[in-house]
C-alpha atoms as a PDB file:
ATOM      1  CA  UNK A   1      77.928  34.821  17.909  1.00  0.00           C
ATOM      2  CA  UNK A   2      79.396  37.483  20.171  1.00  0.00           C
ATOM      3  CA  UNK A   3      83.066  38.345  20.619  1.00  0.00           C
ATOM      4  CA  UNK A   4      84.355  40.124  23.707  1.00  0.00           C
ATOM      5  CA  UNK A   5      87.602  42.057  23.468  1.00  0.00           C
ATOM      6  CA  UNK A   6      89.233  43.388  26.616  1.00  0.00           C
ATOM      7  CA  UNK A   7      92.296  45.660  26.773  1.00  0.00           C
ATOM      8  CA  UNK A   8      93.919  46.171  30.160  1.00  0.00           C
ATOM      9  CA  UNK A   9      96.726  48.541  31.097  1.00  0.00           C
ATOM     10  CA  UNK A  10      98.666  47.697  34.232  1.00  0.00           C
ATOM     11  CA  UNK A  11     101.181  49.748  36.198  1.00  0.00           C
ATOM     12  CA  UNK A  12     103.543  47.370  38.021  1.00  0.00           C
ATOM     13  CA  UNK A  13     104.862  49.572  40.816  1.00  0.00           C
ATOM     14  CA  UNK A  14     107.232  47.033  42.371  1.00  0.00           C
ATOM     15  CA  UNK A  15     108.799  45.735  39.172  1.00  0.00           C
ATOM     16  CA  UNK A  16     112.529  46.477  38.851  1.00  0.00           C
ATOM     17  CA  UNK A  17     113.391  44.477  35.733  1.00  0.00           C
ATOM     18  CA  UNK A  18     111.869  43.022  32.594  1.00  0.00           C
ATOM     19  CA  UNK A  19     112.474  39.551  34.039  1.00  0.00           C
ATOM     20  CA  UNK A  20     110.404  40.368  37.110  1.00  0.00           C
ATOM     21  CA  UNK A  21     107.645  41.922  34.987  1.00  0.00           C
ATOM     22  CA  UNK A  22     107.476  38.861  32.727  1.00  0.00           C
ATOM     23  CA  UNK A  23     107.274  36.547  35.748  1.00  0.00           C
ATOM     24  CA  UNK A  24     104.296  38.476  37.129  1.00  0.00           C
ATOM     25  CA  UNK A  25     102.541  38.633  33.753  1.00  0.00           C
ATOM     26  CA  UNK A  26     103.123  34.937  33.036  1.00  0.00           C
ATOM     27  CA  UNK A  27     101.476  34.019  36.347  1.00  0.00           C
ATOM     28  CA  UNK A  28      98.503  36.305  35.638  1.00  0.00           C
ATOM     29  CA  UNK A  29      98.057  35.087  32.058  1.00  0.00           C
ATOM     30  CA  UNK A  30      98.269  31.424  33.074  1.00  0.00           C
ATOM     31  CA  UNK A  31      95.737  31.952  35.858  1.00  0.00           C
ATOM     32  CA  UNK A  32      93.263  33.728  33.552  1.00  0.00           C
ATOM     33  CA  UNK A  33      93.663  31.135  30.770  1.00  0.00           C
ATOM     34  CA  UNK A  34      93.143  28.235  33.166  1.00  0.00           C
ATOM     35  CA  UNK A  35      90.165  29.694  34.992  1.00  0.00           C
ATOM     36  CA  UNK A  36      88.239  31.249  32.089  1.00  0.00           C
ATOM     37  CA  UNK A  37      89.600  29.563  28.944  1.00  0.00           C
ATOM     38  CA  UNK A  38      90.120  32.870  27.124  1.00  0.00           C
ATOM     39  CA  UNK A  39      93.012  34.025  24.956  1.00  0.00           C
ATOM     40  CA  UNK A  40      95.448  36.401  26.704  1.00  0.00           C
ATOM     41  CA  UNK A  41      98.552  38.123  25.314  1.00  0.00           C
ATOM     42  CA  UNK A  42     100.800  41.049  26.143  1.00  0.00           C
ATOM     43  CA  UNK A  43     100.124  43.444  23.280  1.00  0.00           C
ATOM     44  CA  UNK A  44     102.101  46.593  24.119  1.00  0.00           C
ATOM     45  CA  UNK A  45     104.906  48.002  26.289  1.00  0.00           C
ATOM     46  CA  UNK A  46     106.977  44.814  26.133  1.00  0.00           C
ATOM     47  CA  UNK A  47     110.177  46.799  26.686  1.00  0.00           C
ATOM     48  CA  UNK A  48     109.050  48.778  29.762  1.00  0.00           C
ATOM     49  CA  UNK A  49     109.608  47.455  33.296  1.00  0.00           C
ATOM     50  CA  UNK A  50     106.602  48.889  35.077  1.00  0.00           C
ATOM     51  CA  UNK A  51     103.950  49.040  32.395  1.00  0.00           C
ATOM     52  CA  UNK A  52     102.041  46.328  30.560  1.00  0.00           C
ATOM     53  CA  UNK A  53      99.080  46.102  28.224  1.00  0.00           C
ATOM     54  CA  UNK A  54      97.198  42.819  28.007  1.00  0.00           C
ATOM     55  CA  UNK A  55      94.671  41.896  25.351  1.00  0.00           C
ATOM     56  CA  UNK A  56      92.033  39.240  26.027  1.00  0.00           C
ATOM     57  CA  UNK A  57      89.386  37.789  23.754  1.00  0.00           C
ATOM     58  CA  UNK A  58      86.520  35.345  24.192  1.00  0.00           C
ATOM     59  CA  UNK A  59      83.618  34.109  22.080  1.00  0.00           C
ATOM     60  CA  UNK A  60      80.114  33.183  23.229  1.00  0.00           C
ATOM     61  CA  UNK A  61      76.619  32.717  21.849  1.00  0.00           C
ATOM     62  CA  UNK A  62      75.361  35.726  23.831  1.00  0.00           C
ATOM     63  CA  UNK A  63      76.766  38.849  25.456  1.00  0.00           C
ATOM     64  CA  UNK A  64      75.836  38.099  29.085  1.00  0.00           C
ATOM     65  CA  UNK A  65      78.396  35.307  29.651  1.00  0.00           C
ATOM     66  CA  UNK A  66      81.108  37.530  28.199  1.00  0.00           C
ATOM     67  CA  UNK A  67      80.177  40.392  30.534  1.00  0.00           C
ATOM     68  CA  UNK A  68      80.251  38.044  33.528  1.00  0.00           C
ATOM     69  CA  UNK A  69      83.574  36.556  32.457  1.00  0.00           C
ATOM     70  CA  UNK A  70      85.332  39.897  32.024  1.00  0.00           C
ATOM     71  CA  UNK A  71      83.867  41.149  35.294  1.00  0.00           C
ATOM     72  CA  UNK A  72      85.467  38.186  37.077  1.00  0.00           C
ATOM     73  CA  UNK A  73      88.748  38.760  35.213  1.00  0.00           C
ATOM     74  CA  UNK A  74      88.765  42.365  36.428  1.00  0.00           C
ATOM     75  CA  UNK A  75      88.235  41.221  40.021  1.00  0.00           C
ATOM     76  CA  UNK A  76      91.168  38.816  39.740  1.00  0.00           C
ATOM     77  CA  UNK A  77      93.427  41.474  38.252  1.00  0.00           C
ATOM     78  CA  UNK A  78      92.529  44.011  40.936  1.00  0.00           C
ATOM     79  CA  UNK A  79      93.255  41.428  43.622  1.00  0.00           C
ATOM     80  CA  UNK A  80      96.398  39.821  42.152  1.00  0.00           C
ATOM     81  CA  UNK A  81      98.488  42.485  40.415  1.00  0.00           C
ATOM     82  CA  UNK A  82     101.311  44.017  42.442  1.00  0.00           C
ATOM     83  CA  UNK A  83     100.434  47.503  41.262  1.00  0.00           C
ATOM     84  CA  UNK A  84      97.585  49.494  39.782  1.00  0.00           C
ATOM     85  CA  UNK A  85      94.997  48.693  37.145  1.00  0.00           C
ATOM     86  CA  UNK A  86      95.413  51.812  34.974  1.00  0.00           C
ATOM     87  CA  UNK A  87      92.561  51.013  32.558  1.00  0.00           C
ATOM     88  CA  UNK A  88      90.137  48.215  31.771  1.00  0.00           C
ATOM     89  CA  UNK A  89      88.206  48.525  28.506  1.00  0.00           C
ATOM     90  CA  UNK A  90      85.769  45.926  27.163  1.00  0.00           C
ATOM     91  CA  UNK A  91      84.266  45.987  23.672  1.00  0.00           C
ATOM     92  CA  UNK A  92      81.676  43.608  22.258  1.00  0.00           C
ATOM     93  CA  UNK A  93      81.343  42.642  18.611  1.00  0.00           C
ATOM     94  CA  UNK A  94      78.323  40.761  17.330  1.00  0.00           C
END
Protein backbone atom coordinates (compact mmCIF):
# COMPACT_ATOMS: atom_id res chain seq x y z
CA UNK A 1 0.00 0.00 0.00
CA UNK A 2 1.25 3.46 -0.91
CA UNK A 3 -0.06 6.78 0.37
CA UNK A 4 0.49 10.03 -1.52
CA UNK A 5 0.36 13.29 0.40
CA UNK A 6 0.34 16.57 -1.48
CA UNK A 7 0.56 20.05 0.07
CA UNK A 8 -0.15 23.02 -2.18
CA UNK A 9 0.23 26.71 -1.41
CA UNK A 10 -1.77 29.09 -3.56
CA UNK A 11 -1.57 32.87 -3.89
CA UNK A 12 -4.98 34.18 -4.99
CA UNK A 13 -4.07 37.53 -6.52
CA UNK A 14 -7.60 38.65 -7.41
CA UNK A 15 -9.30 37.69 -4.16
CA UNK A 16 -10.68 40.65 -2.19
CA UNK A 17 -12.59 38.86 0.57
CA UNK A 18 -12.74 35.59 2.46
CA UNK A 19 -16.08 34.88 0.77
CA UNK A 20 -14.50 35.17 -2.67
CA UNK A 21 -11.54 33.01 -1.62
CA UNK A 22 -13.83 30.29 -0.25
CA UNK A 23 -15.88 30.30 -3.47
CA UNK A 24 -12.75 29.74 -5.56
CA UNK A 25 -11.41 27.03 -3.25
CA UNK A 26 -14.76 25.22 -3.07
CA UNK A 27 -14.88 25.03 -6.87
CA UNK A 28 -11.30 23.72 -7.03
CA UNK A 29 -11.80 21.17 -4.26
CA UNK A 30 -15.06 19.88 -5.77
CA UNK A 31 -13.45 19.55 -9.19
CA UNK A 32 -10.44 17.63 -7.82
CA UNK A 33 -12.62 15.34 -5.67
CA UNK A 34 -14.94 14.53 -8.56
CA UNK A 35 -12.23 13.93 -11.14
CA UNK A 36 -9.67 12.03 -9.06
CA UNK A 37 -11.58 10.74 -6.01
CA UNK A 38 -8.96 12.02 -3.55
CA UNK A 39 -9.41 13.76 -0.21
CA UNK A 40 -8.88 17.54 -0.31
CA UNK A 41 -9.03 20.08 2.53
CA UNK A 42 -7.87 23.60 3.27
CA UNK A 43 -5.29 23.06 6.00
CA UNK A 44 -3.80 26.51 6.66
CA UNK A 45 -4.31 30.26 6.15
CA UNK A 46 -8.09 30.05 6.54
CA UNK A 47 -8.22 33.66 7.74
CA UNK A 48 -6.18 35.24 4.91
CA UNK A 49 -7.86 36.54 1.74
CA UNK A 50 -5.16 35.88 -0.82
CA UNK A 51 -3.38 32.82 0.51
CA UNK A 52 -4.47 29.21 0.84
CA UNK A 53 -2.87 25.88 1.66
CA UNK A 54 -4.57 22.72 0.46
CA UNK A 55 -3.77 19.21 1.61
CA UNK A 56 -4.60 16.21 -0.58
CA UNK A 57 -4.20 12.51 0.08
CA UNK A 58 -4.71 9.36 -1.96
CA UNK A 59 -4.01 5.65 -1.50
CA UNK A 60 -2.96 3.13 -4.15
CA UNK A 61 -1.34 -0.28 -4.45
CA UNK A 62 1.71 1.24 -6.17
CA UNK A 63 3.43 4.61 -6.45
CA UNK A 64 3.04 5.16 -10.21
CA UNK A 65 -0.73 5.85 -10.18
CA UNK A 66 -0.24 8.32 -7.35
CA UNK A 67 2.48 10.17 -9.27
CA UNK A 68 0.25 10.35 -12.35
CA UNK A 69 -2.72 11.53 -10.31
CA UNK A 70 -0.85 14.34 -8.57
CA UNK A 71 0.74 15.38 -11.85
CA UNK A 72 -2.74 15.82 -13.34
CA UNK A 73 -3.90 17.68 -10.21
CA UNK A 74 -0.99 20.09 -10.61
CA UNK A 75 -1.93 20.72 -14.25
CA UNK A 76 -5.52 21.50 -13.24
CA UNK A 77 -4.41 23.85 -10.48
CA UNK A 78 -2.01 25.71 -12.77
CA UNK A 79 -4.76 26.11 -15.35
CA UNK A 80 -7.71 26.91 -13.04
CA UNK A 81 -6.49 29.04 -10.13
CA UNK A 82 -6.90 32.80 -10.48
CA UNK A 83 -3.42 33.43 -9.14
CA UNK A 84 -0.09 31.72 -8.62
CA UNK A 85 0.84 28.23 -7.49
CA UNK A 86 3.39 29.18 -4.79
CA UNK A 87 4.45 25.60 -3.97
CA UNK A 88 3.50 22.03 -4.79
CA UNK A 89 5.05 19.32 -2.62
CA UNK A 90 4.31 15.60 -2.92
CA UNK A 91 5.44 12.97 -0.42
CA UNK A 92 4.97 9.22 -0.67
CA UNK A 93 4.62 6.85 2.26
CA UNK A 94 4.79 3.10 1.80
